[in-house]
């Protein structure tokens, strides 16, 4: 896509995503093995490309977790829609409440954050 557009926006987006993955110690890199053990589970992963409302290019590495047996792992991840956040902010303001919010730049289950 960068070659077609004559820029490096998508390459930079991929670099930012991959650097975030490394910075948060998201994965434990293991040496390749010829014969996977009985505990081995294969899950495909791929990049998803999005253009944000402010026209920033965003690349996300996603994994097909639906093919895994996650019964022995925590699996809760909350994602809120923008409309839900706006509605909660309106309700809080009408009740005189203060809102505190945060965003994790690279959100991966069990990744280390500050």
PDB file of N, CA and C in Angstrom:
ATOM      1  N   UNK A   1       0.833  -1.196   0.000  1.00  0.00           N
ATOM      2  CA  UNK A   1       0.000   0.000   0.000  1.00  0.00           C
ATOM      3  C   UNK A   1       0.872   1.252   0.000  1.00  0.00           C
ATOM      4  N   UNK A   2       2.001   1.187   0.724  1.00  0.00           N
ATOM      5  CA  UNK A   2       2.903   2.340   0.754  1.00  0.00           C
ATOM      6  C   UNK A   2       3.472   2.623  -0.631  1.00  0.00           C
ATOM      7  N   UNK A   3       3.837   1.573  -1.349  1.00  0.00           N
ATOM      8  CA  UNK A   3       4.405   1.756  -2.687  1.00  0.00           C
ATOM      9  C   UNK A   3       3.382   2.436  -3.592  1.00  0.00           C
ATOM     10  N   UNK A   4       2.126   1.993  -3.499  1.00  0.00           N
ATOM     11  CA  UNK A   4       1.048   2.588  -4.286  1.00  0.00           C
ATOM     12  C   UNK A   4       0.838   4.057  -3.922  1.00  0.00           C
ATOM     13  N   UNK A   5       0.918   4.370  -2.631  1.00  0.00           N
ATOM     14  CA  UNK A   5       0.660   5.730  -2.151  1.00  0.00           C
ATOM     15  C   UNK A   5       1.890   6.629  -2.202  1.00  0.00           C
ATOM     16  N   UNK A   6       3.061   6.030  -2.414  1.00  0.00           N
ATOM     17  CA  UNK A   6       4.289   6.808  -2.467  1.00  0.00           C
ATOM     18  C   UNK A   6       4.695   7.391  -1.122  1.00  0.00           C
ATOM     19  N   UNK A   7       4.376   6.658  -0.035  1.00  0.00           N
ATOM     20  CA  UNK A   7       4.767   7.118   1.306  1.00  0.00           C
ATOM     21  C   UNK A   7       5.148   5.920   2.171  1.00  0.00           C
ATOM     22  N   UNK A   8       5.295   6.127   3.482  1.00  0.00           N
ATOM     23  CA  UNK A   8       5.686   5.050   4.400  1.00  0.00           C
ATOM     24  C   UNK A   8       4.734   4.975   5.594  1.00  0.00           C
ATOM     25  N   UNK A   9       3.495   5.442   5.440  1.00  0.00           N
ATOM     26  CA  UNK A   9       2.543   5.502   6.561  1.00  0.00           C
ATOM     27  C   UNK A   9       2.226   4.130   7.139  1.00  0.00           C
ATOM     28  N   UNK A  10       2.010   3.143   6.272  1.00  0.00           N
ATOM     29  CA  UNK A  10       1.645   1.819   6.774  1.00  0.00           C
ATOM     30  C   UNK A  10       2.848   1.119   7.387  1.00  0.00           C
ATOM     31  N   UNK A  11       4.023   1.308   6.813  1.00  0.00           N
ATOM     32  CA  UNK A  11       5.244   0.724   7.388  1.00  0.00           C
ATOM     33  C   UNK A  11       5.481   1.294   8.780  1.00  0.00           C
ATOM     34  N   UNK A  12       5.256   2.598   8.948  1.00  0.00           N
ATOM     35  CA  UNK A  12       5.417   3.228  10.262  1.00  0.00           C
ATOM     36  C   UNK A  12       4.367   2.709  11.241  1.00  0.00           C
ATOM     37  N   UNK A  13       3.134   2.488  10.762  1.00  0.00           N
ATOM     38  CA  UNK A  13       2.074   1.958  11.626  1.00  0.00           C
ATOM     39  C   UNK A  13       2.411   0.544  12.096  1.00  0.00           C
ATOM     40  N   UNK A  14       2.934  -0.274  11.189  1.00  0.00           N
ATOM     41  CA  UNK A  14       3.341  -1.637  11.553  1.00  0.00           C
ATOM     42  C   UNK A  14       4.490  -1.590  12.551  1.00  0.00           C
ATOM     43  N   UNK A  15       5.468  -0.731  12.301  1.00  0.00           N
ATOM     44  CA  UNK A  15       6.608  -0.585  13.216  1.00  0.00           C
ATOM     45  C   UNK A  15       6.144  -0.178  14.613  1.00  0.00           C
ATOM     46  N   UNK A  16       5.202   0.759  14.686  1.00  0.00           N
ATOM     47  CA  UNK A  16       4.688   1.217  15.982  1.00  0.00           C
ATOM     48  C   UNK A  16       3.988   0.074  16.724  1.00  0.00           C
ATOM     49  N   UNK A  17       3.189  -0.704  16.011  1.00  0.00           N
ATOM     50  CA  UNK A  17       2.484  -1.834  16.619  1.00  0.00           C
ATOM     51  C   UNK A  17       3.469  -2.879  17.119  1.00  0.00           C
ATOM     52  N   UNK A  18       4.435  -3.229  16.295  1.00  0.00           N
ATOM     53  CA  UNK A  18       5.397  -4.259  16.681  1.00  0.00           C
ATOM     54  C   UNK A  18       6.274  -3.781  17.836  1.00  0.00           C
ATOM     55  N   UNK A  19       6.647  -2.498  17.852  1.00  0.00           N
ATOM     56  CA  UNK A  19       7.444  -1.966  18.953  1.00  0.00           C
ATOM     57  C   UNK A  19       6.651  -2.005  20.250  1.00  0.00           C
ATOM     58  N   UNK A  20       5.360  -1.700  20.182  1.00  0.00           N
ATOM     59  CA  UNK A  20       4.499  -1.785  21.363  1.00  0.00           C
ATOM     60  C   UNK A  20       4.424  -3.200  21.908  1.00  0.00           C
ATOM     61  N   UNK A  21       4.354  -4.171  21.004  1.00  0.00           N
ATOM     62  CA  UNK A  21       4.319  -5.579  21.415  1.00  0.00           C
ATOM     63  C   UNK A  21       5.606  -5.942  22.151  1.00  0.00           C
ATOM     64  N   UNK A  22       6.734  -5.506  21.611  1.00  0.00           N
ATOM     65  CA  UNK A  22       8.029  -5.797  22.252  1.00  0.00           C
ATOM     66  C   UNK A  22       8.159  -5.042  23.572  1.00  0.00           C
ATOM     67  N   UNK A  23       7.777  -3.768  23.607  1.00  0.00           N
ATOM     68  CA  UNK A  23       7.897  -2.952  24.818  1.00  0.00           C
ATOM     69  C   UNK A  23       7.072  -3.498  25.980  1.00  0.00           C
ATOM     70  N   UNK A  24       5.926  -4.113  25.675  1.00  0.00           N
ATOM     71  CA  UNK A  24       5.036  -4.624  26.724  1.00  0.00           C
ATOM     72  C   UNK A  24       5.301  -6.090  27.060  1.00  0.00           C
ATOM     73  N   UNK A  25       6.367  -6.670  26.505  1.00  0.00           N
ATOM     74  CA  UNK A  25       6.683  -8.089  26.752  1.00  0.00           C
ATOM     75  C   UNK A  25       5.458  -8.977  26.541  1.00  0.00           C
ATOM     76  N   UNK A  26       4.757  -8.726  25.435  1.00  0.00           N
ATOM     77  CA  UNK A  26       3.504  -9.425  25.169  1.00  0.00           C
ATOM     78  C   UNK A  26       3.709 -10.908  24.903  1.00  0.00           C
ATOM     79  N   UNK A  27       4.742 -11.241  24.159  1.00  0.00           N
ATOM     80  CA  UNK A  27       4.981 -12.631  23.787  1.00  0.00           C
ATOM     81  C   UNK A  27       6.268 -13.153  24.413  1.00  0.00           C
ATOM     82  N   UNK A  28       6.286 -14.444  24.631  1.00  0.00           N
ATOM     83  CA  UNK A  28       7.509 -15.125  25.045  1.00  0.00           C
ATOM     84  C   UNK A  28       7.981 -15.876  23.804  1.00  0.00           C
ATOM     85  N   UNK A  29       9.120 -15.436  23.273  1.00  0.00           N
ATOM     86  CA  UNK A  29       9.631 -16.044  22.053  1.00  0.00           C
ATOM     87  C   UNK A  29      10.389 -17.319  22.387  1.00  0.00           C
ATOM     88  N   UNK A  30       9.990 -18.398  21.764  1.00  0.00           N
ATOM     89  CA  UNK A  30      10.591 -19.715  21.989  1.00  0.00           C
ATOM     90  C   UNK A  30      11.294 -20.165  20.713  1.00  0.00           C
ATOM     91  N   UNK A  31      12.291 -21.028  20.866  1.00  0.00           N
ATOM     92  CA  UNK A  31      12.932 -21.545  19.653  1.00  0.00           C
ATOM     93  C   UNK A  31      11.942 -22.421  18.877  1.00  0.00           C
ATOM     94  N   UNK A  32      12.077 -22.466  17.555  1.00  0.00           N
ATOM     95  CA  UNK A  32      11.171 -23.314  16.768  1.00  0.00           C
ATOM     96  C   UNK A  32      11.368 -24.785  17.121  1.00  0.00           C
ATOM     97  N   UNK A  33      10.296 -25.557  16.996  1.00  0.00           N
ATOM     98  CA  UNK A  33      10.401 -26.989  17.275  1.00  0.00           C
ATOM     99  C   UNK A  33       9.844 -27.776  16.094  1.00  0.00           C
ATOM    100  N   UNK A  34      10.452 -28.919  15.850  1.00  0.00           N
ATOM    101  CA  UNK A  34      10.022 -29.787  14.734  1.00  0.00           C
ATOM    102  C   UNK A  34       8.695 -30.471  15.069  1.00  0.00           C
ATOM    103  N   UNK A  35       8.631 -31.025  16.282  1.00  0.00           N
ATOM    104  CA  UNK A  35       7.444 -31.751  16.723  1.00  0.00           C
ATOM    105  C   UNK A  35       6.830 -31.027  17.918  1.00  0.00           C
ATOM    106  N   UNK A  36       5.702 -30.334  17.732  1.00  0.00           N
ATOM    107  CA  UNK A  36       5.074 -29.642  18.866  1.00  0.00           C
ATOM    108  C   UNK A  36       4.625 -30.628  19.940  1.00  0.00           C
ATOM    109  N   UNK A  37       4.694 -30.190  21.196  1.00  0.00           N
ATOM    110  CA  UNK A  37       4.250 -31.044  22.312  1.00  0.00           C
ATOM    111  C   UNK A  37       2.725 -31.115  22.324  1.00  0.00           C
ATOM    112  N   UNK A  38       2.197 -31.956  23.203  1.00  0.00           N
ATOM    113  CA  UNK A  38       0.746 -32.104  23.319  1.00  0.00           C
ATOM    114  C   UNK A  38       0.095 -30.805  23.809  1.00  0.00           C
ATOM    115  N   UNK A  39       0.869 -29.950  24.498  1.00  0.00           N
ATOM    116  CA  UNK A  39       0.336 -28.687  25.008  1.00  0.00           C
ATOM    117  C   UNK A  39       0.305 -27.582  23.954  1.00  0.00           C
ATOM    118  N   UNK A  40       0.845 -27.839  22.790  1.00  0.00           N
ATOM    119  CA  UNK A  40       0.961 -26.845  21.735  1.00  0.00           C
ATOM    120  C   UNK A  40      -0.404 -26.564  21.115  1.00  0.00           C
ATOM    121  N   UNK A  41      -0.701 -25.288  20.903  1.00  0.00           N
ATOM    122  CA  UNK A  41      -1.913 -24.896  20.198  1.00  0.00           C
ATOM    123  C   UNK A  41      -1.523 -23.919  19.091  1.00  0.00           C
ATOM    124  N   UNK A  42      -2.031 -24.139  17.913  1.00  0.00           N
ATOM    125  CA  UNK A  42      -1.756 -23.239  16.800  1.00  0.00           C
ATOM    126  C   UNK A  42      -2.892 -22.231  16.679  1.00  0.00           C
ATOM    127  N   UNK A  43      -2.535 -20.965  16.523  1.00  0.00           N
ATOM    128  CA  UNK A  43      -3.526 -19.924  16.269  1.00  0.00           C
ATOM    129  C   UNK A  43      -2.952 -18.985  15.213  1.00  0.00           C
ATOM    130  N   UNK A  44      -3.683 -18.740  14.161  1.00  0.00           N
ATOM    131  CA  UNK A  44      -3.190 -17.841  13.120  1.00  0.00           C
ATOM    132  C   UNK A  44      -3.202 -16.393  13.605  1.00  0.00           C
ATOM    133  N   UNK A  45      -2.308 -15.582  13.083  1.00  0.00           N
ATOM    134  CA  UNK A  45      -2.363 -14.154  13.368  1.00  0.00           C
ATOM    135  C   UNK A  45      -2.115 -13.368  12.091  1.00  0.00           C
ATOM    136  N   UNK A  46      -2.605 -12.136  12.072  1.00  0.00           N
ATOM    137  CA  UNK A  46      -2.505 -11.296  10.896  1.00  0.00           C
ATOM    138  C   UNK A  46      -2.593  -9.827  11.298  1.00  0.00           C
ATOM    139  N   UNK A  47      -2.307  -8.953  10.362  1.00  0.00           N
ATOM    140  CA  UNK A  47      -2.394  -7.514  10.594  1.00  0.00           C
ATOM    141  C   UNK A  47      -3.741  -7.003  10.101  1.00  0.00           C
ATOM    142  N   UNK A  48      -4.341  -6.122  10.883  1.00  0.00           N
ATOM    143  CA  UNK A  48      -5.560  -5.419  10.488  1.00  0.00           C
ATOM    144  C   UNK A  48      -5.185  -3.957  10.327  1.00  0.00           C
ATOM    145  N   UNK A  49      -5.541  -3.378   9.200  1.00  0.00           N
ATOM    146  CA  UNK A  49      -5.197  -1.994   8.899  1.00  0.00           C
ATOM    147  C   UNK A  49      -6.446  -1.124   8.946  1.00  0.00           C
ATOM    148  N   UNK A  50      -6.341   0.024   9.627  1.00  0.00           N
ATOM    149  CA  UNK A  50      -7.459   0.942   9.795  1.00  0.00           C
ATOM    150  C   UNK A  50      -6.983   2.368   9.603  1.00  0.00           C
ATOM    151  N   UNK A  51      -7.836   3.195   9.029  1.00  0.00           N
ATOM    152  CA  UNK A  51      -7.572   4.628   8.986  1.00  0.00           C
ATOM    153  C   UNK A  51      -8.471   5.254  10.043  1.00  0.00           C
ATOM    154  N   UNK A  52      -7.850   5.918  11.029  1.00  0.00           N
ATOM    155  CA  UNK A  52      -8.570   6.521  12.150  1.00  0.00           C
ATOM    156  C   UNK A  52      -9.316   7.771  11.665  1.00  0.00           C
ATOM    157  N   UNK A  53     -10.311   8.250  12.455  1.00  0.00           N
ATOM    158  CA  UNK A  53     -11.061   9.448  12.050  1.00  0.00           C
ATOM    159  C   UNK A  53     -10.176  10.679  11.797  1.00  0.00           C
ATOM    160  N   UNK A  54      -9.022  10.744  12.469  1.00  0.00           N
ATOM    161  CA  UNK A  54      -8.109  11.878  12.239  1.00  0.00           C
ATOM    162  C   UNK A  54      -7.112  11.578  11.114  1.00  0.00           C
ATOM    163  N   UNK A  55      -7.383  10.523  10.332  1.00  0.00           N
ATOM    164  CA  UNK A  55      -6.606  10.097   9.161  1.00  0.00           C
ATOM    165  C   UNK A  55      -5.255   9.454   9.486  1.00  0.00           C
ATOM    166  N   UNK A  56      -5.013   9.105  10.774  1.00  0.00           N
ATOM    167  CA  UNK A  56      -3.809   8.337  11.114  1.00  0.00           C
ATOM    168  C   UNK A  56      -3.989   6.907  10.635  1.00  0.00           C
ATOM    169  N   UNK A  57      -2.892   6.307  10.202  1.00  0.00           N
ATOM    170  CA  UNK A  57      -2.904   4.898   9.798  1.00  0.00           C
ATOM    171  C   UNK A  57      -2.593   4.046  11.024  1.00  0.00           C
ATOM    172  N   UNK A  58      -3.419   3.044  11.280  1.00  0.00           N
ATOM    173  CA  UNK A  58      -3.255   2.183  12.449  1.00  0.00           C
ATOM    174  C   UNK A  58      -3.161   0.741  11.988  1.00  0.00           C
ATOM    175  N   UNK A  59      -2.127   0.043  12.432  1.00  0.00           N
ATOM    176  CA  UNK A  59      -1.982  -1.388  12.163  1.00  0.00           C
ATOM    177  C   UNK A  59      -2.080  -2.123  13.490  1.00  0.00           C
ATOM    178  N   UNK A  60      -2.839  -3.224  13.515  1.00  0.00           N
ATOM    179  CA  UNK A  60      -2.982  -4.017  14.729  1.00  0.00           C
ATOM    180  C   UNK A  60      -2.684  -5.476  14.404  1.00  0.00           C
ATOM    181  N   UNK A  61      -1.869  -6.083  15.249  1.00  0.00           N
ATOM    182  CA  UNK A  61      -1.616  -7.514  15.119  1.00  0.00           C
ATOM    183  C   UNK A  61      -2.696  -8.232  15.915  1.00  0.00           C
ATOM    184  N   UNK A  62      -3.466  -9.071  15.256  1.00  0.00           N
ATOM    185  CA  UNK A  62      -4.551  -9.796  15.923  1.00  0.00           C
ATOM    186  C   UNK A  62      -4.326 -11.293  15.755  1.00  0.00           C
ATOM    187  N   UNK A  63      -4.861 -12.049  16.700  1.00  0.00           N
ATOM    188  CA  UNK A  63      -4.712 -13.506  16.668  1.00  0.00           C
ATOM    189  C   UNK A  63      -6.098 -14.138  16.644  1.00  0.00           C
ATOM    190  N   UNK A  64      -6.200 -15.245  15.951  1.00  0.00           N
ATOM    191  CA  UNK A  64      -7.471 -15.965  15.877  1.00  0.00           C
ATOM    192  C   UNK A  64      -7.687 -16.786  17.132  1.00  0.00           C
ATOM    193  N   UNK A  65      -7.935 -16.107  18.240  1.00  0.00           N
ATOM    194  CA  UNK A  65      -8.095 -16.775  19.526  1.00  0.00           C
ATOM    195  C   UNK A  65      -9.294 -17.691  19.619  1.00  0.00           C
ATOM    196  N   UNK A  66     -10.234 -17.539  18.679  1.00  0.00           N
ATOM    197  CA  UNK A  66     -11.434 -18.384  18.705  1.00  0.00           C
ATOM    198  C   UNK A  66     -11.109 -19.851  18.434  1.00  0.00           C
ATOM    199  N   UNK A  67      -9.910 -20.132  17.922  1.00  0.00           N
ATOM    200  CA  UNK A  67      -9.538 -21.519  17.634  1.00  0.00           C
ATOM    201  C   UNK A  67      -8.779 -22.165  18.784  1.00  0.00           C
ATOM    202  N   UNK A  68      -8.538 -21.428  19.862  1.00  0.00           N
ATOM    203  CA  UNK A  68      -7.763 -21.937  20.992  1.00  0.00           C
ATOM    204  C   UNK A  68      -8.654 -22.465  22.101  1.00  0.00           C
ATOM    205  N   UNK A  69      -8.125 -23.413  22.861  1.00  0.00           N
ATOM    206  CA  UNK A  69      -8.774 -23.840  24.099  1.00  0.00           C
ATOM    207  C   UNK A  69      -8.201 -22.957  25.201  1.00  0.00           C
ATOM    208  N   UNK A  70      -8.973 -21.980  25.637  1.00  0.00           N
ATOM    209  CA  UNK A  70      -8.487 -21.038  26.640  1.00  0.00           C
ATOM    210  C   UNK A  70      -9.036 -21.333  28.031  1.00  0.00           C
ATOM    211  N   UNK A  71      -9.503 -22.554  28.248  1.00  0.00           N
ATOM    212  CA  UNK A  71     -10.126 -22.894  29.524  1.00  0.00           C
ATOM    213  C   UNK A  71      -9.177 -22.736  30.716  1.00  0.00           C
ATOM    214  N   UNK A  72      -7.864 -22.812  30.491  1.00  0.00           N
ATOM    215  CA  UNK A  72      -6.914 -22.681  31.594  1.00  0.00           C
ATOM    216  C   UNK A  72      -6.269 -21.298  31.642  1.00  0.00           C
ATOM    217  N   UNK A  73      -6.797 -20.350  30.872  1.00  0.00           N
ATOM    218  CA  UNK A  73      -6.234 -19.004  30.821  1.00  0.00           C
ATOM    219  C   UNK A  73      -7.323 -17.980  31.096  1.00  0.00           C
ATOM    220  N   UNK A  74      -6.901 -16.814  31.616  1.00  0.00           N
ATOM    221  CA  UNK A  74      -7.873 -15.742  31.769  1.00  0.00           C
ATOM    222  C   UNK A  74      -8.209 -15.237  30.377  1.00  0.00           C
ATOM    223  N   UNK A  75      -9.437 -14.833  30.168  1.00  0.00           N
ATOM    224  CA  UNK A  75      -9.830 -14.421  28.827  1.00  0.00           C
ATOM    225  C   UNK A  75     -10.755 -13.236  28.786  1.00  0.00           C
ATOM    226  N   UNK A  76     -10.754 -12.399  29.814  1.00  0.00           N
ATOM    227  CA  UNK A  76     -11.662 -11.257  29.830  1.00  0.00           C
ATOM    228  C   UNK A  76     -10.963 -10.029  29.283  1.00  0.00           C
ATOM    229  N   UNK A  77     -11.578  -9.401  28.328  1.00  0.00           N
ATOM    230  CA  UNK A  77     -11.037  -8.171  27.758  1.00  0.00           C
ATOM    231  C   UNK A  77     -12.206  -7.253  27.448  1.00  0.00           C
ATOM    232  N   UNK A  78     -12.212  -6.087  28.039  1.00  0.00           N
ATOM    233  CA  UNK A  78     -13.314  -5.148  27.861  1.00  0.00           C
ATOM    234  C   UNK A  78     -12.995  -4.176  26.736  1.00  0.00           C
ATOM    235  N   UNK A  79     -13.935  -4.027  25.834  1.00  0.00           N
ATOM    236  CA  UNK A  79     -13.848  -3.013  24.787  1.00  0.00           C
ATOM    237  C   UNK A  79     -15.158  -2.244  24.839  1.00  0.00           C
ATOM    238  N   UNK A  80     -15.061  -0.927  24.947  1.00  0.00           N
ATOM    239  CA  UNK A  80     -16.263  -0.097  25.036  1.00  0.00           C
ATOM    240  C   UNK A  80     -16.443   0.692  23.752  1.00  0.00           C
ATOM    241  N   UNK A  81     -17.675   0.799  23.305  1.00  0.00           N
ATOM    242  CA  UNK A  81     -17.962   1.608  22.120  1.00  0.00           C
ATOM    243  C   UNK A  81     -17.949   3.081  22.513  1.00  0.00           C
ATOM    244  N   UNK A  82     -17.562   3.926  21.566  1.00  0.00           N
ATOM    245  CA  UNK A  82     -17.481   5.357  21.813  1.00  0.00           C
ATOM    246  C   UNK A  82     -18.825   5.918  22.289  1.00  0.00           C
ATOM    247  N   UNK A  83     -19.919   5.442  21.717  1.00  0.00           N
ATOM    248  CA  UNK A  83     -21.249   5.930  22.115  1.00  0.00           C
ATOM    249  C   UNK A  83     -21.521   5.606  23.587  1.00  0.00           C
ATOM    250  N   UNK A  84     -21.089   4.443  24.059  1.00  0.00           N
ATOM    251  CA  UNK A  84     -21.276   4.075  25.466  1.00  0.00           C
ATOM    252  C   UNK A  84     -20.489   5.009  26.379  1.00  0.00           C
ATOM    253  N   UNK A  85     -19.255   5.338  25.985  1.00  0.00           N
ATOM    254  CA  UNK A  85     -18.426   6.251  26.781  1.00  0.00           C
ATOM    255  C   UNK A  85     -19.077   7.626  26.849  1.00  0.00           C
ATOM    256  N   UNK A  86     -19.569   8.107  25.719  1.00  0.00           N
ATOM    257  CA  UNK A  86     -20.224   9.422  25.685  1.00  0.00           C
ATOM    258  C   UNK A  86     -21.460   9.441  26.569  1.00  0.00           C
ATOM    259  N   UNK A  87     -22.245   8.378  26.516  1.00  0.00           N
ATOM    260  CA  UNK A  87     -23.446   8.294  27.339  1.00  0.00           C
ATOM    261  C   UNK A  87     -23.090   8.289  28.823  1.00  0.00           C
ATOM    262  N   UNK A  88     -22.079   7.511  29.213  1.00  0.00           N
ATOM    263  CA  UNK A  88     -21.652   7.475  30.612  1.00  0.00           C
ATOM    264  C   UNK A  88     -21.124   8.835  31.070  1.00  0.00           C
ATOM    265  N   UNK A  89     -20.396   9.532  30.199  1.00  0.00           N
ATOM    266  CA  UNK A  89     -19.900  10.869  30.539  1.00  0.00           C
ATOM    267  C   UNK A  89     -21.050  11.839  30.748  1.00  0.00           C
ATOM    268  N   UNK A  90     -22.088  11.748  29.910  1.00  0.00           N
ATOM    269  CA  UNK A  90     -23.272  12.615  30.067  1.00  0.00           C
ATOM    270  C   UNK A  90     -23.974  12.347  31.400  1.00  0.00           C
ATOM    271  N   UNK A  91     -24.139  11.083  31.728  1.00  0.00           N
ATOM    272  CA  UNK A  91     -24.800  10.711  32.989  1.00  0.00           C
ATOM    273  C   UNK A  91     -23.966  11.198  34.168  1.00  0.00           C
ATOM    274  N   UNK A  92     -22.658  10.990  34.110  1.00  0.00           N
ATOM    275  CA  UNK A  92     -21.777  11.432  35.196  1.00  0.00           C
ATOM    276  C   UNK A  92     -21.857  12.942  35.380  1.00  0.00           C
ATOM    277  N   UNK A  93     -21.810  13.697  34.288  1.00  0.00           N
ATOM    278  CA  UNK A  93     -21.878  15.157  34.373  1.00  0.00           C
ATOM    279  C   UNK A  93     -23.204  15.602  34.976  1.00  0.00           C
ATOM    280  N   UNK A  94     -24.299  14.962  34.575  1.00  0.00           N
ATOM    281  CA  UNK A  94     -25.618  15.343  35.098  1.00  0.00           C
ATOM    282  C   UNK A  94     -25.733  15.067  36.598  1.00  0.00           C
ATOM    283  N   UNK A  95     -24.922  14.128  37.104  1.00  0.00           N
ATOM    284  CA  UNK A  95     -24.938  13.775  38.522  1.00  0.00           C
ATOM    285  C   UNK A  95     -23.820  14.455  39.307  1.00  0.00           C
ATOM    286  N   UNK A  96     -23.070  15.339  38.641  1.00  0.00           N
ATOM    287  CA  UNK A  96     -21.982  16.056  39.299  1.00  0.00           C
ATOM    288  C   UNK A  96     -20.794  15.168  39.639  1.00  0.00           C
ATOM    289  N   UNK A  97     -20.620  14.080  38.892  1.00  0.00           N
ATOM    290  CA  UNK A  97     -19.520  13.148  39.147  1.00  0.00           C
ATOM    291  C   UNK A  97     -18.313  13.486  38.277  1.00  0.00           C
ATOM    292  N   UNK A  98     -17.131  13.154  38.786  1.00  0.00           N
ATOM    293  CA  UNK A  98     -15.899  13.347  38.028  1.00  0.00           C
ATOM    294  C   UNK A  98     -15.552  12.046  37.322  1.00  0.00           C
ATOM    295  N   UNK A  99     -15.095  12.133  36.075  1.00  0.00           N
ATOM    296  CA  UNK A  99     -14.735  10.945  35.305  1.00  0.00           C
ATOM    297  C   UNK A  99     -13.223  10.805  35.220  1.00  0.00           C
ATOM    298  N   UNK A 100     -12.768   9.599  35.333  1.00  0.00           N
ATOM    299  CA  UNK A 100     -11.357   9.284  35.156  1.00  0.00           C
ATOM    300  C   UNK A 100     -11.296   8.160  34.127  1.00  0.00           C
ATOM    301  N   UNK A 101     -10.541   8.361  33.058  1.00  0.00           N
ATOM    302  CA  UNK A 101     -10.482   7.369  31.987  1.00  0.00           C
ATOM    303  C   UNK A 101      -9.038   7.113  31.601  1.00  0.00           C
ATOM    304  N   UNK A 102      -8.811   6.007  30.959  1.00  0.00           N
ATOM    305  CA  UNK A 102      -7.481   5.667  30.483  1.00  0.00           C
ATOM    306  C   UNK A 102      -7.568   4.874  29.202  1.00  0.00           C
ATOM    307  N   UNK A 103      -6.469   4.810  28.510  1.00  0.00           N
ATOM    308  CA  UNK A 103      -6.401   4.038  27.273  1.00  0.00           C
ATOM    309  C   UNK A 103      -5.065   3.329  27.245  1.00  0.00           C
ATOM    310  N   UNK A 104      -5.083   2.062  26.896  1.00  0.00           N
ATOM    311  CA  UNK A 104      -3.855   1.305  26.746  1.00  0.00           C
ATOM    312  C   UNK A 104      -3.531   1.303  25.261  1.00  0.00           C
ATOM    313  N   UNK A 105      -2.389   1.885  24.913  1.00  0.00           N
ATOM    314  CA  UNK A 105      -2.013   2.038  23.510  1.00  0.00           C
ATOM    315  C   UNK A 105      -1.946   0.725  22.757  1.00  0.00           C
ATOM    316  N   UNK A 106      -1.379  -0.281  23.331  1.00  0.00           N
ATOM    317  CA  UNK A 106      -1.338  -1.623  22.766  1.00  0.00           C
ATOM    318  C   UNK A 106      -1.985  -2.540  23.787  1.00  0.00           C
ATOM    319  N   UNK A 107      -3.214  -2.895  23.550  1.00  0.00           N
ATOM    320  CA  UNK A 107      -3.961  -3.680  24.526  1.00  0.00           C
ATOM    321  C   UNK A 107      -3.882  -5.174  24.198  1.00  0.00           C
ATOM    322  N   UNK A 108      -3.121  -5.903  24.982  1.00  0.00           N
ATOM    323  CA  UNK A 108      -3.008  -7.353  24.851  1.00  0.00           C
ATOM    324  C   UNK A 108      -3.263  -7.968  26.207  1.00  0.00           C
ATOM    325  N   UNK A 109      -4.043  -9.029  26.210  1.00  0.00           N
ATOM    326  CA  UNK A 109      -4.270  -9.738  27.461  1.00  0.00           C
ATOM    327  C   UNK A 109      -2.947 -10.141  28.075  1.00  0.00           C
ATOM    328  N   UNK A 110      -2.809  -9.891  29.348  1.00  0.00           N
ATOM    329  CA  UNK A 110      -1.641 -10.282  30.139  1.00  0.00           C
ATOM    330  C   UNK A 110      -0.351  -9.560  29.770  1.00  0.00           C
ATOM    331  N   UNK A 111      -0.417  -8.527  28.959  1.00  0.00           N
ATOM    332  CA  UNK A 111       0.790  -7.742  28.660  1.00  0.00           C
ATOM    333  C   UNK A 111       1.074  -6.842  29.863  1.00  0.00           C
ATOM    334  N   UNK A 112       2.322  -6.588  30.123  1.00  0.00           N
ATOM    335  CA  UNK A 112       2.694  -5.708  31.235  1.00  0.00           C
ATOM    336  C   UNK A 112       2.382  -4.268  30.853  1.00  0.00           C
ATOM    337  N   UNK A 113       1.787  -3.508  31.764  1.00  0.00           N
ATOM    338  CA  UNK A 113       1.511  -2.091  31.558  1.00  0.00           C
ATOM    339  C   UNK A 113       1.944  -1.333  32.780  1.00  0.00           C
ATOM    340  N   UNK A 114       2.029  -0.002  32.658  1.00  0.00           N
ATOM    341  CA  UNK A 114       2.395   0.828  33.796  1.00  0.00           C
ATOM    342  C   UNK A 114       1.133   1.464  34.353  1.00  0.00           C
TER     343      UNK A 114
END
